[in-house]
């Protein structure tokens, strides 16, 4: 029956320790550089663009109707059309502002999820590599131990048979 692997076989090698230090440094560097950008994007996604867009729409309507003529002043339909166009422009500006805000929030969430997914994939891959290396080393050492024990057993058995044939043991 094979023995359990020794604890020393599960200790991280110097190469694995170095890889872990490098990975940790890269992770901390990434967090230092990109987490503030993600946080800034999150804060910016809360920004309300509606007043800016409504102001621009109002300015466009005002510039379009800035030079009224006598004919425009006499025609009540043109005043109603201008008011209707202004209301439509305000509504469009509000909808556009909401769309911009929603898109920005979605982009921030997507970036955060992608970051989390990438981190999970990297950790998973590192764990698989580390585990497979540890298990392979452990399996190889156990095979060598087993082969050594088998060889010693074969030598002992052969010696006993040879000794019995030669009459070494009465």
Protein backbone atom coordinates (compact mmCIF):
# COMPACT_ATOMS: atom_id res chain seq x y z
CA UNK A 1 0.00 0.00 0.00
CA UNK A 2 1.42 3.37 -1.02
CA UNK A 3 2.06 6.02 1.59
CA UNK A 4 0.55 9.47 1.49
CA UNK A 5 2.61 12.18 -0.17
CA UNK A 6 4.85 14.08 2.20
CA UNK A 7 3.92 17.63 3.16
CA UNK A 8 7.19 18.85 1.70
CA UNK A 9 5.95 17.73 -1.72
CA UNK A 10 3.06 20.18 -1.49
CA UNK A 11 5.19 23.18 -0.57
CA UNK A 12 5.45 25.84 -3.21
CA UNK A 13 8.73 25.86 -5.08
CA UNK A 14 10.80 29.01 -5.39
CA UNK A 15 9.61 29.40 -8.99
CA UNK A 16 5.96 29.19 -7.87
CA UNK A 17 6.62 31.71 -5.09
CA UNK A 18 8.24 34.06 -7.60
CA UNK A 19 5.31 33.65 -10.01
CA UNK A 20 2.89 34.42 -7.19
CA UNK A 21 4.84 37.57 -6.23
CA UNK A 22 4.88 38.75 -9.83
CA UNK A 23 1.15 38.06 -10.23
CA UNK A 24 0.39 39.91 -7.00
CA UNK A 25 2.50 42.90 -8.10
CA UNK A 26 0.73 42.99 -11.47
CA UNK A 27 -2.66 42.78 -9.77
CA UNK A 28 -1.85 45.62 -7.35
CA UNK A 29 -0.45 47.70 -10.21
CA UNK A 30 -3.61 47.06 -12.23
CA UNK A 31 -5.80 48.02 -9.26
CA UNK A 32 -3.75 51.18 -8.70
CA UNK A 33 -4.01 52.27 -12.34
CA UNK A 34 -7.45 51.15 -13.45
CA UNK A 35 -9.66 51.08 -10.37
CA UNK A 36 -9.62 54.90 -10.13
CA UNK A 37 -10.59 55.11 -13.81
CA UNK A 38 -13.46 52.71 -13.27
CA UNK A 39 -14.55 54.67 -10.19
CA UNK A 40 -14.40 57.94 -12.16
CA UNK A 41 -16.49 56.37 -14.94
CA UNK A 42 -18.99 55.20 -12.32
CA UNK A 43 -19.28 58.71 -10.88
CA UNK A 44 -19.53 60.20 -14.38
CA UNK A 45 -22.31 57.75 -15.24
CA UNK A 46 -24.45 59.47 -12.59
CA UNK A 47 -24.10 62.83 -14.31
CA UNK A 48 -27.36 64.33 -15.54
CA UNK A 49 -27.07 65.65 -19.09
CA UNK A 50 -30.71 66.71 -19.39
CA UNK A 51 -30.21 70.39 -18.46
CA UNK A 52 -27.28 70.69 -20.88
CA UNK A 53 -29.18 69.08 -23.76
CA UNK A 54 -32.40 70.98 -23.02
CA UNK A 55 -30.42 74.22 -22.94
CA UNK A 56 -28.92 73.47 -26.33
CA UNK A 57 -32.30 72.54 -27.79
CA UNK A 58 -33.80 75.75 -26.40
CA UNK A 59 -30.94 77.78 -27.90
CA UNK A 60 -31.45 76.12 -31.28
CA UNK A 61 -35.18 76.95 -31.24
CA UNK A 62 -34.46 80.52 -30.14
CA UNK A 63 -31.89 81.02 -32.90
CA UNK A 64 -34.25 79.60 -35.49
CA UNK A 65 -37.02 82.03 -34.51
CA UNK A 66 -34.77 84.98 -33.58
CA UNK A 67 -35.66 87.10 -36.56
CA UNK A 68 -39.45 87.18 -36.69
CA UNK A 69 -41.10 88.93 -39.58
CA UNK A 70 -44.35 90.88 -39.64
CA UNK A 71 -45.93 87.95 -41.40
CA UNK A 72 -44.83 85.56 -38.60
CA UNK A 73 -46.25 87.92 -35.97
CA UNK A 74 -49.61 88.04 -37.72
CA UNK A 75 -49.83 84.26 -38.16
CA UNK A 76 -50.85 82.50 -34.91
CA UNK A 77 -50.12 79.12 -36.45
CA UNK A 78 -46.40 79.88 -36.64
CA UNK A 79 -46.30 80.73 -32.92
CA UNK A 80 -48.07 77.47 -32.07
CA UNK A 81 -45.75 75.52 -34.36
CA UNK A 82 -42.72 77.13 -32.73
CA UNK A 83 -44.03 76.25 -29.26
CA UNK A 84 -44.78 72.71 -30.39
CA UNK A 85 -41.30 72.35 -31.87
CA UNK A 86 -39.77 73.68 -28.66
CA UNK A 87 -41.74 71.14 -26.60
CA UNK A 88 -40.65 68.33 -28.94
CA UNK A 89 -37.03 69.47 -28.68
CA UNK A 90 -37.22 69.50 -24.86
CA UNK A 91 -38.75 66.02 -24.84
CA UNK A 92 -36.09 64.71 -27.25
CA UNK A 93 -33.36 66.27 -25.10
CA UNK A 94 -34.73 64.56 -21.98
CA UNK A 95 -34.94 61.18 -23.71
CA UNK A 96 -31.43 61.55 -25.13
CA UNK A 97 -30.06 62.50 -21.69
CA UNK A 98 -31.67 59.43 -20.13
CA UNK A 99 -30.23 57.22 -22.88
CA UNK A 100 -26.75 58.67 -22.35
CA UNK A 101 -26.97 58.11 -18.60
CA UNK A 102 -28.23 54.53 -19.02
CA UNK A 103 -25.53 53.73 -21.60
CA UNK A 104 -22.81 55.11 -19.32
CA UNK A 105 -24.08 53.03 -16.39
CA UNK A 106 -24.24 49.92 -18.56
CA UNK A 107 -20.70 50.52 -19.82
CA UNK A 108 -19.40 50.83 -16.25
CA UNK A 109 -21.15 47.61 -15.24
CA UNK A 110 -19.81 45.83 -18.32
CA UNK A 111 -16.26 46.99 -17.58
CA UNK A 112 -16.53 45.87 -13.95
CA UNK A 113 -17.94 42.47 -14.96
CA UNK A 114 -15.25 42.02 -17.58
CA UNK A 115 -12.61 42.87 -14.98
CA UNK A 116 -14.12 40.35 -12.55
CA UNK A 117 -14.37 37.69 -15.25
CA UNK A 118 -10.78 38.22 -16.34
CA UNK A 119 -9.62 37.99 -12.73
CA UNK A 120 -11.61 34.80 -12.18
CA UNK A 121 -10.24 33.23 -15.35
CA UNK A 122 -6.68 34.12 -14.39
CA UNK A 123 -7.04 32.77 -10.87
CA UNK A 124 -8.71 29.63 -12.15
CA UNK A 125 -5.96 29.05 -14.70
CA UNK A 126 -3.27 29.67 -12.09
CA UNK A 127 -4.97 27.24 -9.70
CA UNK A 128 -5.24 24.58 -12.42
CA UNK A 129 -1.60 25.00 -13.39
CA UNK A 130 -0.44 24.96 -9.77
CA UNK A 131 -2.62 22.01 -8.84
CA UNK A 132 -1.67 19.97 -11.89
CA UNK A 133 2.03 20.62 -11.26
CA UNK A 134 1.73 19.66 -7.59
CA UNK A 135 -0.26 16.54 -8.39
CA UNK A 136 2.11 15.53 -11.19
CA UNK A 137 5.16 15.95 -8.94
CA UNK A 138 3.45 14.06 -6.13
CA UNK A 139 2.35 11.26 -8.48
CA UNK A 140 5.85 10.99 -9.94
CA UNK A 141 7.45 10.77 -6.51
CA UNK A 142 4.94 8.15 -5.42
CA UNK A 143 5.63 6.13 -8.59
CA UNK A 144 9.36 6.27 -7.91
CA UNK A 145 8.79 5.17 -4.30
CA UNK A 146 6.54 2.35 -5.47
CA UNK A 147 9.02 1.26 -8.13
CA UNK A 148 11.84 1.36 -5.56
CA UNK A 149 9.81 -0.71 -3.11
CA UNK A 150 8.92 -3.17 -5.88
CA UNK A 151 12.55 -3.45 -6.95
CA UNK A 152 13.69 -4.04 -3.36
CA UNK A 153 10.96 -6.65 -2.94
CA UNK A 154 12.01 -8.37 -6.18
CA UNK A 155 15.65 -8.37 -5.09
CA UNK A 156 14.70 -9.76 -1.68
CA UNK A 157 12.52 -12.47 -3.20
CA UNK A 158 15.20 -13.42 -5.72
CA UNK A 159 17.79 -13.56 -2.96
CA UNK A 160 15.55 -15.79 -0.83
CA UNK A 161 14.86 -18.16 -3.74
CA UNK A 162 18.54 -18.30 -4.71
CA UNK A 163 19.58 -18.79 -1.09
CA UNK A 164 17.10 -21.64 -0.64
CA UNK A 165 18.35 -23.32 -3.85
CA UNK A 166 21.94 -23.09 -2.60
CA UNK A 167 20.97 -24.34 0.82
CA UNK A 168 21.89 -21.23 2.70
CA UNK A 169 18.86 -21.60 4.98
CA UNK A 170 18.83 -25.17 6.14
